[in-house]
Amino acid sequence: MLTLFGLEYARGAGELLQLFALSALPVAAYSALGAVFKVTKNLLGMVVMNGVYAVVTLGMRAITISYGGLMAVGWAWMVGNVAACATGALFLMSNKYKSKETMI
């Protein structure tokens, strides 16, 4: 089906789809963390996590697209999701630590 847009496009898109499949876990974790932040009404955590996602994804894409092409966009998306997940996890851990501190 992708060859309708050209053979080169189909080759590049096939590799990109494999990268997207590899990225499924970070994307799922990113979505789960977003849901946790919504349920716990942690607006700061959600805003920072989404900000990190946007900055890393767009920044990496802007830097690497000239020599990486379509795959650079895929890698930027994956790295952005991983960075956002790490940030979200840090927010969750710091909030749990703070809540235990206030109980003492």
N, C-alpha and C. Protein backbone atom coordinates (compact mmCIF):
# COMPACT_ATOMS: atom_id res chain seq x y z
N MET A 1 0.82 -1.19 0.00
CA MET A 1 0.00 0.00 0.00
C MET A 1 0.87 1.27 0.00
N LEU A 2 1.96 1.24 0.77
CA LEU A 2 2.83 2.41 0.85
C LEU A 2 3.56 2.68 -0.46
N THR A 3 3.68 1.67 -1.32
CA THR A 3 4.37 1.88 -2.59
C THR A 3 3.59 2.79 -3.52
N LEU A 4 2.33 3.04 -3.21
CA LEU A 4 1.56 4.01 -4.00
C LEU A 4 2.21 5.39 -3.96
N PHE A 5 2.92 5.67 -2.87
CA PHE A 5 3.60 6.96 -2.71
C PHE A 5 5.05 6.92 -3.20
N GLY A 6 5.48 5.77 -3.65
CA GLY A 6 6.84 5.62 -4.17
C GLY A 6 7.60 4.56 -3.40
N LEU A 7 8.53 3.91 -4.07
CA LEU A 7 9.30 2.82 -3.46
C LEU A 7 10.18 3.31 -2.33
N GLU A 8 10.80 4.46 -2.52
CA GLU A 8 11.67 5.03 -1.47
C GLU A 8 10.86 5.36 -0.22
N TYR A 9 9.68 5.90 -0.40
CA TYR A 9 8.80 6.22 0.71
C TYR A 9 8.40 4.95 1.45
N ALA A 10 8.08 3.90 0.71
CA ALA A 10 7.67 2.64 1.32
C ALA A 10 8.80 2.04 2.15
N ARG A 11 10.03 2.11 1.64
CA ARG A 11 11.17 1.58 2.40
C ARG A 11 11.37 2.36 3.71
N GLY A 12 11.37 3.66 3.60
CA GLY A 12 11.56 4.49 4.79
C GLY A 12 10.42 4.36 5.78
N ALA A 13 9.21 4.27 5.27
CA ALA A 13 8.05 4.15 6.15
C ALA A 13 8.03 2.78 6.84
N GLY A 14 8.49 1.75 6.16
CA GLY A 14 8.54 0.43 6.78
C GLY A 14 9.48 0.41 7.98
N GLU A 15 10.63 1.01 7.84
CA GLU A 15 11.57 1.11 8.97
C GLU A 15 10.98 1.97 10.08
N LEU A 16 10.30 3.03 9.71
CA LEU A 16 9.68 3.91 10.70
C LEU A 16 8.58 3.17 11.46
N LEU A 17 7.80 2.36 10.77
CA LEU A 17 6.76 1.59 11.45
C LEU A 17 7.37 0.59 12.44
N GLN A 18 8.51 0.02 12.11
CA GLN A 18 9.19 -0.88 13.04
C GLN A 18 9.64 -0.11 14.29
N LEU A 19 10.15 1.10 14.08
CA LEU A 19 10.55 1.93 15.21
C LEU A 19 9.35 2.31 16.07
N PHE A 20 8.23 2.60 15.43
CA PHE A 20 7.01 2.92 16.18
C PHE A 20 6.55 1.71 17.01
N ALA A 21 6.68 0.51 16.45
CA ALA A 21 6.32 -0.69 17.21
C ALA A 21 7.23 -0.85 18.42
N LEU A 22 8.51 -0.56 18.24
CA LEU A 22 9.46 -0.62 19.35
C LEU A 22 9.13 0.42 20.42
N SER A 23 8.54 1.52 19.99
CA SER A 23 8.22 2.62 20.91
C SER A 23 6.92 2.40 21.68
N ALA A 24 6.26 1.30 21.47
CA ALA A 24 4.95 1.09 22.08
C ALA A 24 5.00 1.15 23.61
N LEU A 25 6.03 0.59 24.22
CA LEU A 25 6.11 0.62 25.69
C LEU A 25 6.29 2.02 26.25
N PRO A 26 7.23 2.82 25.73
CA PRO A 26 7.32 4.19 26.25
C PRO A 26 6.05 5.01 26.02
N VAL A 27 5.38 4.79 24.91
CA VAL A 27 4.14 5.52 24.64
C VAL A 27 3.05 5.10 25.62
N ALA A 28 2.96 3.81 25.89
CA ALA A 28 1.96 3.32 26.86
C ALA A 28 2.25 3.87 28.25
N ALA A 29 3.51 3.89 28.64
CA ALA A 29 3.88 4.43 29.95
C ALA A 29 3.56 5.92 30.03
N TYR A 30 3.83 6.65 28.94
CA TYR A 30 3.53 8.09 28.88
C TYR A 30 2.03 8.33 29.06
N SER A 31 1.22 7.52 28.39
CA SER A 31 -0.23 7.64 28.51
C SER A 31 -0.71 7.30 29.92
N ALA A 32 -0.13 6.25 30.49
CA ALA A 32 -0.52 5.85 31.85
C ALA A 32 -0.15 6.92 32.87
N LEU A 33 1.03 7.50 32.72
CA LEU A 33 1.43 8.57 33.64
C LEU A 33 0.51 9.78 33.50
N GLY A 34 0.12 10.09 32.27
CA GLY A 34 -0.82 11.19 32.06
C GLY A 34 -2.14 10.93 32.76
N ALA A 35 -2.62 9.69 32.70
CA ALA A 35 -3.86 9.33 33.39
C ALA A 35 -3.71 9.43 34.90
N VAL A 36 -2.56 8.99 35.42
CA VAL A 36 -2.31 9.09 36.87
C VAL A 36 -2.31 10.55 37.31
N PHE A 37 -1.66 11.40 36.53
CA PHE A 37 -1.62 12.82 36.88
C PHE A 37 -3.01 13.44 36.83
N LYS A 38 -3.85 13.01 35.90
CA LYS A 38 -5.22 13.52 35.84
C LYS A 38 -6.03 13.08 37.05
N VAL A 39 -5.92 11.80 37.40
CA VAL A 39 -6.68 11.27 38.53
C VAL A 39 -6.25 11.92 39.84
N THR A 40 -4.95 12.10 40.01
CA THR A 40 -4.44 12.69 41.25
C THR A 40 -4.46 14.22 41.22
N LYS A 41 -4.92 14.78 40.11
CA LYS A 41 -5.01 16.23 39.92
C LYS A 41 -3.66 16.92 40.12
N ASN A 42 -2.62 16.26 39.62
CA ASN A 42 -1.27 16.80 39.69
C ASN A 42 -0.99 17.57 38.40
N LEU A 43 -1.48 18.80 38.35
CA LEU A 43 -1.36 19.61 37.15
C LEU A 43 0.09 19.95 36.85
N LEU A 44 0.88 20.25 37.87
CA LEU A 44 2.28 20.60 37.65
C LEU A 44 3.04 19.44 37.00
N GLY A 45 2.83 18.23 37.53
CA GLY A 45 3.50 17.06 36.95
C GLY A 45 3.12 16.84 35.50
N MET A 46 1.83 17.02 35.19
CA MET A 46 1.37 16.82 33.82
C MET A 46 1.96 17.88 32.88
N VAL A 47 1.97 19.13 33.32
CA VAL A 47 2.49 20.21 32.48
C VAL A 47 3.98 20.03 32.23
N VAL A 48 4.73 19.70 33.27
CA VAL A 48 6.18 19.52 33.10
C VAL A 48 6.47 18.31 32.22
N MET A 49 5.76 17.22 32.44
CA MET A 49 5.98 16.02 31.63
C MET A 49 5.68 16.30 30.16
N ASN A 50 4.56 16.97 29.88
CA ASN A 50 4.22 17.29 28.50
C ASN A 50 5.19 18.32 27.91
N GLY A 51 5.67 19.23 28.73
CA GLY A 51 6.67 20.20 28.26
C GLY A 51 7.97 19.53 27.86
N VAL A 52 8.42 18.60 28.68
CA VAL A 52 9.64 17.84 28.36
C VAL A 52 9.44 17.06 27.07
N TYR A 53 8.28 16.44 26.93
CA TYR A 53 7.97 15.69 25.71
C TYR A 53 8.07 16.60 24.48
N ALA A 54 7.44 17.76 24.56
CA ALA A 54 7.43 18.68 23.41
C ALA A 54 8.82 19.21 23.09
N VAL A 55 9.55 19.65 24.11
CA VAL A 55 10.87 20.24 23.88
C VAL A 55 11.84 19.20 23.31
N VAL A 56 11.86 18.02 23.91
CA VAL A 56 12.79 16.98 23.44
C VAL A 56 12.42 16.52 22.03
N THR A 57 11.14 16.25 21.81
CA THR A 57 10.72 15.75 20.50
C THR A 57 10.97 16.78 19.41
N LEU A 58 10.52 18.00 19.61
CA LEU A 58 10.68 19.03 18.58
C LEU A 58 12.13 19.47 18.43
N GLY A 59 12.85 19.57 19.56
CA GLY A 59 14.25 19.97 19.49
C GLY A 59 15.11 18.94 18.78
N MET A 60 14.91 17.69 19.14
CA MET A 60 15.70 16.63 18.50
C MET A 60 15.35 16.51 17.01
N ARG A 61 14.08 16.66 16.71
CA ARG A 61 13.67 16.60 15.31
C ARG A 61 14.30 17.74 14.50
N ALA A 62 14.28 18.92 15.05
CA ALA A 62 14.84 20.07 14.34
C ALA A 62 16.34 19.91 14.11
N ILE A 63 17.02 19.31 15.06
CA ILE A 63 18.48 19.16 14.94
C ILE A 63 18.85 18.04 13.97
N THR A 64 18.09 16.95 13.98
CA THR A 64 18.52 15.75 13.25
C THR A 64 17.84 15.52 11.92
N ILE A 65 16.77 16.23 11.60
CA ILE A 65 16.02 15.90 10.39
C ILE A 65 16.81 16.15 9.11
N SER A 66 17.73 17.11 9.12
CA SER A 66 18.46 17.41 7.89
C SER A 66 19.35 16.26 7.43
N TYR A 67 19.84 15.46 8.35
CA TYR A 67 20.67 14.33 7.92
C TYR A 67 20.06 12.97 8.27
N GLY A 68 18.98 12.95 9.05
CA GLY A 68 18.37 11.68 9.43
C GLY A 68 17.07 11.37 8.72
N GLY A 69 16.46 12.37 8.12
CA GLY A 69 15.23 12.17 7.38
C GLY A 69 14.08 11.68 8.24
N LEU A 70 13.30 10.80 7.65
CA LEU A 70 12.10 10.28 8.29
C LEU A 70 12.42 9.51 9.57
N MET A 71 13.51 8.77 9.58
CA MET A 71 13.87 8.01 10.78
C MET A 71 14.24 8.94 11.94
N ALA A 72 14.78 10.10 11.65
CA ALA A 72 15.11 11.05 12.70
C ALA A 72 13.85 11.50 13.43
N VAL A 73 12.77 11.66 12.68
CA VAL A 73 11.50 12.03 13.29
C VAL A 73 11.01 10.92 14.23
N GLY A 74 11.14 9.68 13.78
CA GLY A 74 10.74 8.54 14.62
C GLY A 74 11.58 8.43 15.88
N TRP A 75 12.88 8.60 15.75
CA TRP A 75 13.76 8.54 16.93
C TRP A 75 13.47 9.70 17.88
N ALA A 76 13.19 10.87 17.34
CA ALA A 76 12.86 12.02 18.19
C ALA A 76 11.59 11.74 18.97
N TRP A 77 10.62 11.13 18.32
CA TRP A 77 9.36 10.79 18.98
C TRP A 77 9.58 9.78 20.11
N MET A 78 10.40 8.77 19.83
CA MET A 78 10.67 7.76 20.84
C MET A 78 11.45 8.34 22.03
N VAL A 79 12.49 9.09 21.75
CA VAL A 79 13.30 9.69 22.82
C VAL A 79 12.47 10.69 23.61
N GLY A 80 11.60 11.44 22.95
CA GLY A 80 10.72 12.36 23.65
C GLY A 80 9.79 11.65 24.61
N ASN A 81 9.26 10.52 24.21
CA ASN A 81 8.40 9.72 25.09
C ASN A 81 9.17 9.17 26.28
N VAL A 82 10.38 8.68 26.03
CA VAL A 82 11.20 8.14 27.13
C VAL A 82 11.56 9.24 28.12
N ALA A 83 11.96 10.42 27.61
CA ALA A 83 12.32 11.54 28.48
C ALA A 83 11.10 12.00 29.29
N ALA A 84 9.94 12.06 28.66
CA ALA A 84 8.73 12.46 29.38
C ALA A 84 8.36 11.45 30.45
N CYS A 85 8.52 10.17 30.15
CA CYS A 85 8.23 9.12 31.15
C CYS A 85 9.17 9.23 32.34
N ALA A 86 10.43 9.47 32.06
CA ALA A 86 11.40 9.62 33.16
C ALA A 86 11.04 10.82 34.02
N THR A 87 10.66 11.91 33.39
CA THR A 87 10.26 13.10 34.14
C THR A 87 9.00 12.83 34.96
N GLY A 88 8.02 12.19 34.35
CA GLY A 88 6.78 11.85 35.07
C GLY A 88 7.04 10.92 36.25
N ALA A 89 7.91 9.94 36.06
CA ALA A 89 8.25 9.02 37.15
C ALA A 89 8.95 9.76 38.30
N LEU A 90 9.81 10.70 37.95
CA LEU A 90 10.47 11.49 39.00
C LEU A 90 9.46 12.32 39.79
N PHE A 91 8.47 12.88 39.10
CA PHE A 91 7.42 13.63 39.79
C PHE A 91 6.62 12.73 40.71
N LEU A 92 6.27 11.54 40.25
CA LEU A 92 5.52 10.60 41.09
C LEU A 92 6.32 10.21 42.32
N MET A 93 7.60 9.90 42.13
CA MET A 93 8.44 9.50 43.26
C MET A 93 8.62 10.65 44.24
N SER A 94 8.79 11.87 43.74
CA SER A 94 8.99 13.00 44.65
C SER A 94 7.70 13.31 45.42
N ASN A 95 6.55 13.13 44.79
CA ASN A 95 5.29 13.36 45.49
C ASN A 95 5.03 12.30 46.55
N LYS A 96 5.39 11.07 46.28
CA LYS A 96 5.22 10.01 47.28
C LYS A 96 6.14 10.27 48.47
N TYR A 97 7.36 10.73 48.18
CA TYR A 97 8.30 11.03 49.25
C TYR A 97 7.80 12.19 50.08
N LYS A 98 7.28 13.22 49.43
CA LYS A 98 6.76 14.39 50.15
C LYS A 98 5.57 14.02 51.01
N SER A 99 4.67 13.17 50.48
CA SER A 99 3.49 12.80 51.27
C SER A 99 3.86 11.95 52.48
N LYS A 100 4.90 11.12 52.37
CA LYS A 100 5.36 10.34 53.52
C LYS A 100 6.02 11.24 54.55
N GLU A 101 6.69 12.29 54.07
CA GLU A 101 7.36 13.23 54.96
C GLU A 101 6.35 13.99 55.81
N THR A 102 5.22 14.36 55.22
CA THR A 102 4.21 15.12 55.95
C THR A 102 3.47 14.27 56.96
N MET A 103 3.48 12.96 56.78
CA MET A 103 2.80 12.06 57.71
C MET A 103 3.59 11.87 58.98
N ILE A 104 4.89 12.10 58.93
CA ILE A 104 5.74 11.87 60.09
C ILE A 104 5.63 12.98 61.08
